[in-house]
Amino acid sequence: MNNSKVLSLVGLATKSGKTVSGEFSTEKSVKTGRCYLVLVADDASENTKKKFRNMCEYYEVPIYFLADKELMGKAMGKEFRASLGIQDANFALAIMKEIEK
């Protein structure tokens, strides 16, 4: 997996307005069916990881754990981000392909 490629795709998705970030927004996006992929920082709390793992399993949304809060935030041009959701099917597929390399 190439973290920098994944994070640059996250940056592109953010610029085109296809991402949500932060625990509340990501959760809302998953539960309303608009989220195609969830990314959670490796250094997020175990509680946060468990919450998103269970929620994504229930709503059948792919979830991956990568990078750290600082890198994920930087990729989006924001502060620390523990979780983010991709709301575009094509960006989600491209990111999943990079992660699974």
PDB file of N, CA and C in Angstrom:
ATOM      1  N   MET A   1       0.839  -1.186   0.000  1.00  0.00           N
ATOM      2  CA  MET A   1       0.000   0.000   0.000  1.00  0.00           C
ATOM      3  C   MET A   1       0.884   1.250   0.000  1.00  0.00           C
ATOM      4  N   ASN A   2       0.526   2.188  -0.856  1.00  0.00           N
ATOM      5  CA  ASN A   2       1.266   3.439  -0.950  1.00  0.00           C
ATOM      6  C   ASN A   2       0.469   4.552  -0.268  1.00  0.00           C
ATOM      7  N   ASN A   3       0.837   4.859   0.986  1.00  0.00           N
ATOM      8  CA  ASN A   3       0.102   5.865   1.770  1.00  0.00           C
ATOM      9  C   ASN A   3       0.039   7.220   1.085  1.00  0.00           C
ATOM     10  N   SER A   4       1.153   7.650   0.469  1.00  0.00           N
ATOM     11  CA  SER A   4       1.160   8.983  -0.131  1.00  0.00           C
ATOM     12  C   SER A   4       0.197   9.058  -1.316  1.00  0.00           C
ATOM     13  N   LYS A   5       0.104   7.993  -2.095  1.00  0.00           N
ATOM     14  CA  LYS A   5      -0.828   7.964  -3.230  1.00  0.00           C
ATOM     15  C   LYS A   5      -2.275   8.002  -2.720  1.00  0.00           C
ATOM     16  N   VAL A   6      -2.549   7.226  -1.681  1.00  0.00           N
ATOM     17  CA  VAL A   6      -3.885   7.200  -1.085  1.00  0.00           C
ATOM     18  C   VAL A   6      -4.252   8.582  -0.562  1.00  0.00           C
ATOM     19  N   LEU A   7      -3.317   9.218   0.158  1.00  0.00           N
ATOM     20  CA  LEU A   7      -3.588  10.528   0.735  1.00  0.00           C
ATOM     21  C   LEU A   7      -3.736  11.604  -0.338  1.00  0.00           C
ATOM     22  N   SER A   8      -3.024  11.466  -1.468  1.00  0.00           N
ATOM     23  CA  SER A   8      -3.202  12.453  -2.538  1.00  0.00           C
ATOM     24  C   SER A   8      -4.573  12.283  -3.183  1.00  0.00           C
ATOM     25  N   LEU A   9      -5.062  11.043  -3.279  1.00  0.00           N
ATOM     26  CA  LEU A   9      -6.415  10.813  -3.783  1.00  0.00           C
ATOM     27  C   LEU A   9      -7.454  11.398  -2.825  1.00  0.00           C
ATOM     28  N   VAL A  10      -7.187  11.286  -1.533  1.00  0.00           N
ATOM     29  CA  VAL A  10      -8.076  11.885  -0.530  1.00  0.00           C
ATOM     30  C   VAL A  10      -8.107  13.404  -0.715  1.00  0.00           C
ATOM     31  N   GLY A  11      -6.936  13.988  -0.980  1.00  0.00           N
ATOM     32  CA  GLY A  11      -6.846  15.423  -1.223  1.00  0.00           C
ATOM     33  C   GLY A  11      -7.660  15.848  -2.437  1.00  0.00           C
ATOM     34  N   LEU A  12      -7.565  15.062  -3.523  1.00  0.00           N
ATOM     35  CA  LEU A  12      -8.345  15.358  -4.734  1.00  0.00           C
ATOM     36  C   LEU A  12      -9.845  15.260  -4.456  1.00  0.00           C
ATOM     37  N   ALA A  13     -10.232  14.218  -3.729  1.00  0.00           N
ATOM     38  CA  ALA A  13     -11.646  14.031  -3.397  1.00  0.00           C
ATOM     39  C   ALA A  13     -12.150  15.197  -2.544  1.00  0.00           C
ATOM     40  N   THR A  14     -11.301  15.674  -1.642  1.00  0.00           N
ATOM     41  CA  THR A  14     -11.678  16.796  -0.786  1.00  0.00           C
ATOM     42  C   THR A  14     -11.870  18.065  -1.614  1.00  0.00           C
ATOM     43  N   LYS A  15     -10.942  18.304  -2.539  1.00  0.00           N
ATOM     44  CA  LYS A  15     -11.044  19.504  -3.385  1.00  0.00           C
ATOM     45  C   LYS A  15     -12.316  19.490  -4.227  1.00  0.00           C
ATOM     46  N   SER A  16     -12.756  18.283  -4.617  1.00  0.00           N
ATOM     47  CA  SER A  16     -13.978  18.214  -5.430  1.00  0.00           C
ATOM     48  C   SER A  16     -15.236  18.091  -4.566  1.00  0.00           C
ATOM     49  N   GLY A  17     -15.059  18.233  -3.254  1.00  0.00           N
ATOM     50  CA  GLY A  17     -16.210  18.248  -2.353  1.00  0.00           C
ATOM     51  C   GLY A  17     -16.845  16.894  -2.111  1.00  0.00           C
ATOM     52  N   LYS A  18     -16.076  15.839  -2.248  1.00  0.00           N
ATOM     53  CA  LYS A  18     -16.618  14.481  -2.118  1.00  0.00           C
ATOM     54  C   LYS A  18     -16.208  13.779  -0.836  1.00  0.00           C
ATOM     55  N   THR A  19     -15.760  14.533   0.164  1.00  0.00           N
ATOM     56  CA  THR A  19     -15.394  13.914   1.435  1.00  0.00           C
ATOM     57  C   THR A  19     -16.122  14.576   2.597  1.00  0.00           C
ATOM     58  N   VAL A  20     -16.265  13.823   3.665  1.00  0.00           N
ATOM     59  CA  VAL A  20     -16.723  14.363   4.942  1.00  0.00           C
ATOM     60  C   VAL A  20     -15.694  13.927   5.965  1.00  0.00           C
ATOM     61  N   SER A  21     -15.498  14.711   7.004  1.00  0.00           N
ATOM     62  CA  SER A  21     -14.507  14.313   7.992  1.00  0.00           C
ATOM     63  C   SER A  21     -15.001  14.630   9.389  1.00  0.00           C
ATOM     64  N   GLY A  22     -14.368  13.981  10.337  1.00  0.00           N
ATOM     65  CA  GLY A  22     -14.793  14.116  11.720  1.00  0.00           C
ATOM     66  C   GLY A  22     -15.786  13.013  12.044  1.00  0.00           C
ATOM     67  N   GLU A  23     -15.835  12.655  13.291  1.00  0.00           N
ATOM     68  CA  GLU A  23     -16.639  11.516  13.722  1.00  0.00           C
ATOM     69  C   GLU A  23     -18.126  11.675  13.389  1.00  0.00           C
ATOM     70  N   PHE A  24     -18.701  12.820  13.726  1.00  0.00           N
ATOM     71  CA  PHE A  24     -20.135  13.018  13.541  1.00  0.00           C
ATOM     72  C   PHE A  24     -20.526  13.010  12.065  1.00  0.00           C
ATOM     73  N   SER A  25     -19.807  13.778  11.241  1.00  0.00           N
ATOM     74  CA  SER A  25     -20.132  13.872   9.810  1.00  0.00           C
ATOM     75  C   SER A  25     -19.950  12.537   9.098  1.00  0.00           C
ATOM     76  N   THR A  26     -18.890  11.822   9.441  1.00  0.00           N
ATOM     77  CA  THR A  26     -18.636  10.526   8.808  1.00  0.00           C
ATOM     78  C   THR A  26     -19.737   9.542   9.182  1.00  0.00           C
ATOM     79  N   GLU A  27     -20.098   9.536  10.454  1.00  0.00           N
ATOM     80  CA  GLU A  27     -21.163   8.637  10.923  1.00  0.00           C
ATOM     81  C   GLU A  27     -22.481   8.943  10.208  1.00  0.00           C
ATOM     82  N   LYS A  28     -22.819  10.211  10.102  1.00  0.00           N
ATOM     83  CA  LYS A  28     -24.059  10.618   9.436  1.00  0.00           C
ATOM     84  C   LYS A  28     -24.052  10.189   7.961  1.00  0.00           C
ATOM     85  N   SER A  29     -22.923  10.350   7.308  1.00  0.00           N
ATOM     86  CA  SER A  29     -22.787   9.987   5.898  1.00  0.00           C
ATOM     87  C   SER A  29     -22.983   8.485   5.680  1.00  0.00           C
ATOM     88  N   VAL A  30     -22.423   7.678   6.577  1.00  0.00           N
ATOM     89  CA  VAL A  30     -22.574   6.215   6.478  1.00  0.00           C
ATOM     90  C   VAL A  30     -24.035   5.831   6.686  1.00  0.00           C
ATOM     91  N   LYS A  31     -24.640   6.397   7.719  1.00  0.00           N
ATOM     92  CA  LYS A  31     -26.013   6.009   8.075  1.00  0.00           C
ATOM     93  C   LYS A  31     -27.055   6.484   7.061  1.00  0.00           C
ATOM     94  N   THR A  32     -26.743   7.534   6.289  1.00  0.00           N
ATOM     95  CA  THR A  32     -27.682   7.999   5.271  1.00  0.00           C
ATOM     96  C   THR A  32     -27.418   7.354   3.917  1.00  0.00           C
ATOM     97  N   GLY A  33     -26.391   6.501   3.849  1.00  0.00           N
ATOM     98  CA  GLY A  33     -26.118   5.762   2.613  1.00  0.00           C
ATOM     99  C   GLY A  33     -25.351   6.545   1.567  1.00  0.00           C
ATOM    100  N   ARG A  34     -24.770   7.685   1.931  1.00  0.00           N
ATOM    101  CA  ARG A  34     -24.023   8.484   0.951  1.00  0.00           C
ATOM    102  C   ARG A  34     -22.535   8.163   0.926  1.00  0.00           C
ATOM    103  N   CYS A  35     -22.070   7.383   1.881  1.00  0.00           N
ATOM    104  CA  CYS A  35     -20.642   7.111   2.022  1.00  0.00           C
ATOM    105  C   CYS A  35     -20.270   5.783   1.344  1.00  0.00           C
ATOM    106  N   TYR A  36     -19.221   5.816   0.512  1.00  0.00           N
ATOM    107  CA  TYR A  36     -18.779   4.613  -0.193  1.00  0.00           C
ATOM    108  C   TYR A  36     -17.552   3.979   0.444  1.00  0.00           C
ATOM    109  N   LEU A  37     -16.860   4.744   1.284  1.00  0.00           N
ATOM    110  CA  LEU A  37     -15.631   4.253   1.896  1.00  0.00           C
ATOM    111  C   LEU A  37     -15.332   5.073   3.145  1.00  0.00           C
ATOM    112  N   VAL A  38     -14.887   4.394   4.202  1.00  0.00           N
ATOM    113  CA  VAL A  38     -14.495   5.090   5.437  1.00  0.00           C
ATOM    114  C   VAL A  38     -13.016   4.817   5.688  1.00  0.00           C
ATOM    115  N   LEU A  39     -12.283   5.874   6.003  1.00  0.00           N
ATOM    116  CA  LEU A  39     -10.876   5.758   6.377  1.00  0.00           C
ATOM    117  C   LEU A  39     -10.723   6.251   7.804  1.00  0.00           C
ATOM    118  N   VAL A  40     -10.061   5.442   8.638  1.00  0.00           N
ATOM    119  CA  VAL A  40      -9.850   5.806  10.041  1.00  0.00           C
ATOM    120  C   VAL A  40      -8.347   5.804  10.303  1.00  0.00           C
ATOM    121  N   ALA A  41      -7.866   6.781  11.035  1.00  0.00           N
ATOM    122  CA  ALA A  41      -6.442   6.871  11.356  1.00  0.00           C
ATOM    123  C   ALA A  41      -6.018   5.703  12.246  1.00  0.00           C
ATOM    124  N   ASP A  42      -4.806   5.198  11.985  1.00  0.00           N
ATOM    125  CA  ASP A  42      -4.253   4.106  12.796  1.00  0.00           C
ATOM    126  C   ASP A  42      -4.110   4.495  14.258  1.00  0.00           C
ATOM    127  N   ASP A  43      -3.849   5.774  14.501  1.00  0.00           N
ATOM    128  CA  ASP A  43      -3.637   6.200  15.883  1.00  0.00           C
ATOM    129  C   ASP A  43      -4.913   6.744  16.543  1.00  0.00           C
ATOM    130  N   ALA A  44      -6.061   6.461  15.941  1.00  0.00           N
ATOM    131  CA  ALA A  44      -7.332   6.825  16.578  1.00  0.00           C
ATOM    132  C   ALA A  44      -7.530   5.933  17.801  1.00  0.00           C
ATOM    133  N   SER A  45      -8.371   6.353  18.712  1.00  0.00           N
ATOM    134  CA  SER A  45      -8.590   5.557  19.924  1.00  0.00           C
ATOM    135  C   SER A  45      -9.263   4.227  19.568  1.00  0.00           C
ATOM    136  N   GLU A  46      -9.048   3.239  20.415  1.00  0.00           N
ATOM    137  CA  GLU A  46      -9.651   1.920  20.180  1.00  0.00           C
ATOM    138  C   GLU A  46     -11.170   2.015  20.144  1.00  0.00           C
ATOM    139  N   ASN A  47     -11.715   2.917  20.952  1.00  0.00           N
ATOM    140  CA  ASN A  47     -13.156   3.132  20.993  1.00  0.00           C
ATOM    141  C   ASN A  47     -13.681   3.607  19.635  1.00  0.00           C
ATOM    142  N   THR A  48     -12.971   4.574  19.048  1.00  0.00           N
ATOM    143  CA  THR A  48     -13.351   5.116  17.737  1.00  0.00           C
ATOM    144  C   THR A  48     -13.254   4.031  16.665  1.00  0.00           C
ATOM    145  N   LYS A  49     -12.149   3.289  16.683  1.00  0.00           N
ATOM    146  CA  LYS A  49     -11.961   2.219  15.690  1.00  0.00           C
ATOM    147  C   LYS A  49     -13.090   1.191  15.781  1.00  0.00           C
ATOM    148  N   LYS A  50     -13.414   0.782  17.009  1.00  0.00           N
ATOM    149  CA  LYS A  50     -14.457  -0.228  17.216  1.00  0.00           C
ATOM    150  C   LYS A  50     -15.812   0.290  16.739  1.00  0.00           C
ATOM    151  N   LYS A  51     -16.107   1.553  17.068  1.00  0.00           N
ATOM    152  CA  LYS A  51     -17.378   2.162  16.675  1.00  0.00           C
ATOM    153  C   LYS A  51     -17.535   2.154  15.157  1.00  0.00           C
ATOM    154  N   PHE A  52     -16.499   2.602  14.438  1.00  0.00           N
ATOM    155  CA  PHE A  52     -16.585   2.652  12.981  1.00  0.00           C
ATOM    156  C   PHE A  52     -16.559   1.257  12.359  1.00  0.00           C
ATOM    157  N   ARG A  53     -15.776   0.351  12.950  1.00  0.00           N
ATOM    158  CA  ARG A  53     -15.721  -1.024  12.429  1.00  0.00           C
ATOM    159  C   ARG A  53     -17.116  -1.658  12.494  1.00  0.00           C
ATOM    160  N   ASN A  54     -17.775  -1.524  13.646  1.00  0.00           N
ATOM    161  CA  ASN A  54     -19.114  -2.101  13.817  1.00  0.00           C
ATOM    162  C   ASN A  54     -20.137  -1.435  12.907  1.00  0.00           C
ATOM    163  N   MET A  55     -20.086  -0.114  12.826  1.00  0.00           N
ATOM    164  CA  MET A  55     -21.041   0.627  12.008  1.00  0.00           C
ATOM    165  C   MET A  55     -20.864   0.275  10.519  1.00  0.00           C
ATOM    166  N   CYS A  56     -19.628   0.232  10.058  1.00  0.00           N
ATOM    167  CA  CYS A  56     -19.374  -0.060   8.639  1.00  0.00           C
ATOM    168  C   CYS A  56     -19.759  -1.496   8.293  1.00  0.00           C
ATOM    169  N   GLU A  57     -19.557  -2.399   9.243  1.00  0.00           N
ATOM    170  CA  GLU A  57     -19.964  -3.785   9.021  1.00  0.00           C
ATOM    171  C   GLU A  57     -21.487  -3.865   8.882  1.00  0.00           C
ATOM    172  N   TYR A  58     -22.187  -3.164   9.731  1.00  0.00           N
ATOM    173  CA  TYR A  58     -23.651  -3.179   9.713  1.00  0.00           C
ATOM    174  C   TYR A  58     -24.207  -2.566   8.425  1.00  0.00           C
ATOM    175  N   TYR A  59     -23.638  -1.424   8.021  1.00  0.00           N
ATOM    176  CA  TYR A  59     -24.138  -0.726   6.835  1.00  0.00           C
ATOM    177  C   TYR A  59     -23.438  -1.176   5.543  1.00  0.00           C
ATOM    178  N   GLU A  60     -22.547  -2.155   5.662  1.00  0.00           N
ATOM    179  CA  GLU A  60     -21.813  -2.741   4.527  1.00  0.00           C
ATOM    180  C   GLU A  60     -21.033  -1.693   3.738  1.00  0.00           C
ATOM    181  N   VAL A  61     -20.277  -0.881   4.459  1.00  0.00           N
ATOM    182  CA  VAL A  61     -19.404   0.121   3.853  1.00  0.00           C
ATOM    183  C   VAL A  61     -17.963  -0.316   4.116  1.00  0.00           C
ATOM    184  N   PRO A  62     -17.106  -0.348   3.081  1.00  0.00           N
ATOM    185  CA  PRO A  62     -15.701  -0.740   3.311  1.00  0.00           C
ATOM    186  C   PRO A  62     -15.011   0.245   4.255  1.00  0.00           C
ATOM    187  N   ILE A  63     -14.152  -0.297   5.114  1.00  0.00           N
ATOM    188  CA  ILE A  63     -13.406   0.548   6.057  1.00  0.00           C
ATOM    189  C   ILE A  63     -11.946   0.121   6.044  1.00  0.00           C
ATOM    190  N   TYR A  64     -11.062   1.110   6.099  1.00  0.00           N
ATOM    191  CA  TYR A  64      -9.628   0.846   6.155  1.00  0.00           C
ATOM    192  C   TYR A  64      -9.003   1.725   7.220  1.00  0.00           C
ATOM    193  N   PHE A  65      -7.918   1.211   7.815  1.00  0.00           N
ATOM    194  CA  PHE A  65      -7.176   1.949   8.825  1.00  0.00           C
ATOM    195  C   PHE A  65      -5.814   2.278   8.233  1.00  0.00           C
ATOM    196  N   LEU A  66      -5.455   3.566   8.195  1.00  0.00           N
ATOM    197  CA  LEU A  66      -4.177   3.943   7.611  1.00  0.00           C
ATOM    198  C   LEU A  66      -3.668   5.253   8.168  1.00  0.00           C
ATOM    199  N   ALA A  67      -2.407   5.529   7.889  1.00  0.00           N
ATOM    200  CA  ALA A  67      -1.736   6.782   8.257  1.00  0.00           C
ATOM    201  C   ALA A  67      -1.960   7.128   9.730  1.00  0.00           C
ATOM    202  N   ASP A  68      -1.867   8.392  10.028  1.00  0.00           N
ATOM    203  CA  ASP A  68      -2.187   8.859  11.374  1.00  0.00           C
ATOM    204  C   ASP A  68      -3.042  10.109  11.245  1.00  0.00           C
ATOM    205  N   LYS A  69      -3.549  10.579  12.368  1.00  0.00           N
ATOM    206  CA  LYS A  69      -4.485  11.713  12.358  1.00  0.00           C
ATOM    207  C   LYS A  69      -3.893  12.933  11.664  1.00  0.00           C
ATOM    208  N   GLU A  70      -2.624  13.181  11.932  1.00  0.00           N
ATOM    209  CA  GLU A  70      -1.980  14.372  11.374  1.00  0.00           C
ATOM    210  C   GLU A  70      -1.893  14.295   9.851  1.00  0.00           C
ATOM    211  N   LEU A  71      -1.461  13.144   9.322  1.00  0.00           N
ATOM    212  CA  LEU A  71      -1.344  12.989   7.862  1.00  0.00           C
ATOM    213  C   LEU A  71      -2.706  13.036   7.177  1.00  0.00           C
ATOM    214  N   MET A  72      -3.704  12.422   7.798  1.00  0.00           N
ATOM    215  CA  MET A  72      -5.044  12.442   7.203  1.00  0.00           C
ATOM    216  C   MET A  72      -5.590  13.871   7.175  1.00  0.00           C
ATOM    217  N   GLY A  73      -5.359  14.618   8.235  1.00  0.00           N
ATOM    218  CA  GLY A  73      -5.792  16.008   8.275  1.00  0.00           C
ATOM    219  C   GLY A  73      -5.071  16.849   7.239  1.00  0.00           C
ATOM    220  N   LYS A  74      -3.763  16.629   7.128  1.00  0.00           N
ATOM    221  CA  LYS A  74      -2.948  17.385   6.173  1.00  0.00           C
ATOM    222  C   LYS A  74      -3.405  17.104   4.739  1.00  0.00           C
ATOM    223  N   ALA A  75      -3.758  15.857   4.443  1.00  0.00           N
ATOM    224  CA  ALA A  75      -4.220  15.493   3.103  1.00  0.00           C
ATOM    225  C   ALA A  75      -5.491  16.245   2.737  1.00  0.00           C
ATOM    226  N   MET A  76      -6.288  16.570   3.755  1.00  0.00           N
ATOM    227  CA  MET A  76      -7.547  17.289   3.523  1.00  0.00           C
ATOM    228  C   MET A  76      -7.379  18.794   3.670  1.00  0.00           C
ATOM    229  N   GLY A  77      -6.174  19.237   4.017  1.00  0.00           N
ATOM    230  CA  GLY A  77      -5.946  20.662   4.223  1.00  0.00           C
ATOM    231  C   GLY A  77      -6.567  21.169   5.504  1.00  0.00           C
ATOM    232  N   LYS A  78      -6.667  20.285   6.494  1.00  0.00           N
ATOM    233  CA  LYS A  78      -7.283  20.656   7.769  1.00  0.00           C
ATOM    234  C   LYS A  78      -6.391  20.232   8.921  1.00  0.00           C
ATOM    235  N   GLU A  79      -6.910  20.376  10.132  1.00  0.00           N
ATOM    236  CA  GLU A  79      -6.188  19.921  11.322  1.00  0.00           C
ATOM    237  C   GLU A  79      -6.275  18.400  11.403  1.00  0.00           C
ATOM    238  N   PHE A  80      -6.021  17.853  12.572  1.00  0.00           N
ATOM    239  CA  PHE A  80      -6.079  16.406  12.783  1.00  0.00           C
ATOM    240  C   PHE A  80      -7.443  15.848  12.389  1.00  0.00           C
ATOM    241  N   ARG A  81      -7.458  14.700  11.746  1.00  0.00           N
ATOM    242  CA  ARG A  81      -8.702  14.020  11.395  1.00  0.00           C
ATOM    243  C   ARG A  81      -8.549  12.535  11.724  1.00  0.00           C
ATOM    244  N   ALA A  82      -9.408  12.024  12.598  1.00  0.00           N
ATOM    245  CA  ALA A  82      -9.347  10.607  12.968  1.00  0.00           C
ATOM    246  C   ALA A  82     -10.154   9.763  11.996  1.00  0.00           C
ATOM    247  N   SER A  83     -11.171  10.365  11.376  1.00  0.00           N
ATOM    248  CA  SER A  83     -11.995   9.596  10.443  1.00  0.00           C
ATOM    249  C   SER A  83     -12.464  10.480   9.299  1.00  0.00           C
ATOM    250  N   LEU A  84     -12.638   9.856   8.151  1.00  0.00           N
ATOM    251  CA  LEU A  84     -13.200  10.572   7.019  1.00  0.00           C
ATOM    252  C   LEU A  84     -13.954   9.599   6.127  1.00  0.00           C
ATOM    253  N   GLY A  85     -14.919  10.132   5.408  1.00  0.00           N
ATOM    254  CA  GLY A  85     -15.730   9.324   4.507  1.00  0.00           C
ATOM    255  C   GLY A  85     -15.620   9.846   3.091  1.00  0.00           C
ATOM    256  N   ILE A  86     -15.561   8.928   2.129  1.00  0.00           N
ATOM    257  CA  ILE A  86     -15.515   9.292   0.714  1.00  0.00           C
ATOM    258  C   ILE A  86     -16.926   9.125   0.154  1.00  0.00           C
ATOM    259  N   GLN A  87     -17.471  10.197  -0.419  1.00  0.00           N
ATOM    260  CA  GLN A  87     -18.848  10.177  -0.899  1.00  0.00           C
ATOM    261  C   GLN A  87     -18.944  10.098  -2.423  1.00  0.00           C
ATOM    262  N   ASP A  88     -17.948   9.501  -3.053  1.00  0.00           N
ATOM    263  CA  ASP A  88     -17.958   9.339  -4.498  1.00  0.00           C
ATOM    264  C   ASP A  88     -17.472   7.929  -4.818  1.00  0.00           C
ATOM    265  N   ALA A  89     -18.245   7.193  -5.605  1.00  0.00           N
ATOM    266  CA  ALA A  89     -17.921   5.792  -5.892  1.00  0.00           C
ATOM    267  C   ALA A  89     -16.581   5.645  -6.608  1.00  0.00           C
ATOM    268  N   ASN A  90     -16.295   6.539  -7.562  1.00  0.00           N
ATOM    269  CA  ASN A  90     -15.047   6.425  -8.325  1.00  0.00           C
ATOM    270  C   ASN A  90     -13.814   6.702  -7.472  1.00  0.00           C
ATOM    271  N   PHE A  91     -13.878   7.742  -6.640  1.00  0.00           N
ATOM    272  CA  PHE A  91     -12.767   8.006  -5.723  1.00  0.00           C
ATOM    273  C   PHE A  91     -12.591   6.836  -4.755  1.00  0.00           C
ATOM    274  N   ALA A  92     -13.692   6.308  -4.253  1.00  0.00           N
ATOM    275  CA  ALA A  92     -13.632   5.181  -3.313  1.00  0.00           C
ATOM    276  C   ALA A  92     -12.948   3.981  -3.960  1.00  0.00           C
ATOM    277  N   LEU A  93     -13.315   3.667  -5.197  1.00  0.00           N
ATOM    278  CA  LEU A  93     -12.688   2.539  -5.907  1.00  0.00           C
ATOM    279  C   LEU A  93     -11.206   2.772  -6.126  1.00  0.00           C
ATOM    280  N   ALA A  94     -10.840   3.981  -6.548  1.00  0.00           N
ATOM    281  CA  ALA A  94      -9.422   4.290  -6.796  1.00  0.00           C
ATOM    282  C   ALA A  94      -8.607   4.157  -5.504  1.00  0.00           C
ATOM    283  N   ILE A  95      -9.155   4.637  -4.393  1.00  0.00           N
ATOM    284  CA  ILE A  95      -8.449   4.566  -3.120  1.00  0.00           C
ATOM    285  C   ILE A  95      -8.320   3.110  -2.669  1.00  0.00           C
ATOM    286  N   MET A  96      -9.393   2.327  -2.807  1.00  0.00           N
ATOM    287  CA  MET A  96      -9.340   0.918  -2.406  1.00  0.00           C
ATOM    288  C   MET A  96      -8.323   0.147  -3.248  1.00  0.00           C
ATOM    289  N   LYS A  97      -8.229   0.455  -4.530  1.00  0.00           N
ATOM    290  CA  LYS A  97      -7.235  -0.206  -5.403  1.00  0.00           C
ATOM    291  C   LYS A  97      -5.822   0.086  -4.897  1.00  0.00           C
ATOM    292  N   GLU A  98      -5.553   1.337  -4.539  1.00  0.00           N
ATOM    293  CA  GLU A  98      -4.228   1.717  -4.031  1.00  0.00           C
ATOM    294  C   GLU A  98      -3.921   1.032  -2.702  1.00  0.00           C
ATOM    295  N   ILE A  99      -4.914   0.954  -1.836  1.00  0.00           N
ATOM    296  CA  ILE A  99      -4.699   0.336  -0.529  1.00  0.00           C
ATOM    297  C   ILE A  99      -4.409  -1.161  -0.675  1.00  0.00           C
ATOM    298  N   GLU A 100      -5.077  -1.793  -1.601  1.00  0.00           N
ATOM    299  CA  GLU A 100      -4.934  -3.247  -1.739  1.00  0.00           C
ATOM    300  C   GLU A 100      -3.745  -3.674  -2.587  1.00  0.00           C
ATOM    301  N   LYS A 101      -2.940  -2.727  -3.060  1.00  0.00           N
ATOM    302  CA  LYS A 101      -1.751  -3.068  -3.863  1.00  0.00           C
ATOM    303  C   LYS A 101      -0.721  -3.789  -3.030  1.00  0.00           C
TER     304      LYS A 101
END
